[in-house]
Amino acid sequence: MAQDDAAVKTALIIMYVIGVVCLGITFFLLDKVNGKWFTKFSVGLAGVILVMGIILVNVINLN
């Protein structure tokens, strides 16, 4: 059971890092394409990243 919990934590951390990287790439591309980095899409993506961060913190603090 402990191995399963560690695997889930690792997967969540990896997903969170991938999300942050995608957010950075999105902001960079929007800045290059549109000349502005703040759009509805980037705000939505940032919201998803924040929710993932909250879930990650809660899962890590449960043990």
Protein backbone atom coordinates (compact mmCIF):
# COMPACT_ATOMS: atom_id res chain seq x y z
CA MET A 1 0.00 0.00 0.00
CA ALA A 2 2.83 2.40 0.80
CA GLN A 3 4.34 1.78 -2.63
CA ASP A 4 1.02 2.67 -4.26
CA ASP A 5 0.84 5.92 -2.29
CA ALA A 6 4.39 6.81 -3.31
CA ALA A 7 3.58 6.06 -6.96
CA VAL A 8 0.52 8.32 -6.84
CA LYS A 9 2.51 11.13 -5.23
CA THR A 10 5.23 10.79 -7.86
CA ALA A 11 2.68 10.84 -10.66
CA LEU A 12 1.00 13.95 -9.24
CA ILE A 13 4.32 15.75 -8.89
CA ILE A 14 5.27 14.87 -12.47
CA MET A 15 1.87 16.04 -13.75
CA TYR A 16 2.21 19.30 -11.83
CA VAL A 17 5.69 19.96 -13.24
CA ILE A 18 4.48 19.20 -16.77
CA GLY A 19 1.59 21.61 -16.23
CA VAL A 20 3.88 24.39 -15.04
CA VAL A 21 6.16 23.86 -18.03
CA CYS A 22 3.17 23.94 -20.40
CA LEU A 23 1.97 27.14 -18.75
CA GLY A 24 5.37 28.76 -19.25
CA ILE A 25 5.49 27.66 -22.89
CA THR A 26 1.93 28.93 -23.44
CA PHE A 27 2.76 32.34 -21.99
CA PHE A 28 5.90 32.51 -24.16
CA LEU A 29 4.04 31.52 -27.34
CA LEU A 30 1.15 33.91 -26.67
CA ASP A 31 3.63 36.72 -26.15
CA LYS A 32 5.35 35.93 -29.46
CA VAL A 33 2.16 35.37 -31.49
CA ASN A 34 -0.25 37.95 -30.07
CA GLY A 35 2.12 40.40 -28.44
CA LYS A 36 0.41 39.79 -25.10
CA TRP A 37 0.78 36.93 -22.67
CA PHE A 38 -2.44 37.47 -20.68
CA THR A 39 -5.47 35.90 -22.39
CA LYS A 40 -8.53 33.93 -21.30
CA PHE A 41 -6.79 30.71 -22.29
CA SER A 42 -3.72 31.44 -20.18
CA VAL A 43 -5.89 32.39 -17.20
CA GLY A 44 -7.79 29.11 -17.52
CA LEU A 45 -4.57 27.14 -17.76
CA ALA A 46 -3.18 28.95 -14.72
CA GLY A 47 -6.38 28.08 -12.84
CA VAL A 48 -5.95 24.40 -13.65
CA ILE A 49 -2.33 24.53 -12.46
CA LEU A 50 -3.40 26.16 -9.19
CA VAL A 51 -6.07 23.51 -8.58
CA MET A 52 -3.51 20.77 -9.28
CA GLY A 53 -1.16 22.44 -6.80
CA ILE A 54 -3.85 22.45 -4.11
CA ILE A 55 -4.60 18.77 -4.74
CA LEU A 56 -0.87 17.97 -4.64
CA VAL A 57 -0.36 19.77 -1.33
CA ASN A 58 -3.39 18.04 0.21
CA VAL A 59 -2.27 14.58 -0.92
CA ILE A 60 1.25 15.07 0.40
CA ASN A 61 0.03 16.42 3.75
CA LEU A 62 -2.43 13.57 4.33
CA ASN A 63 0.31 11.15 5.33
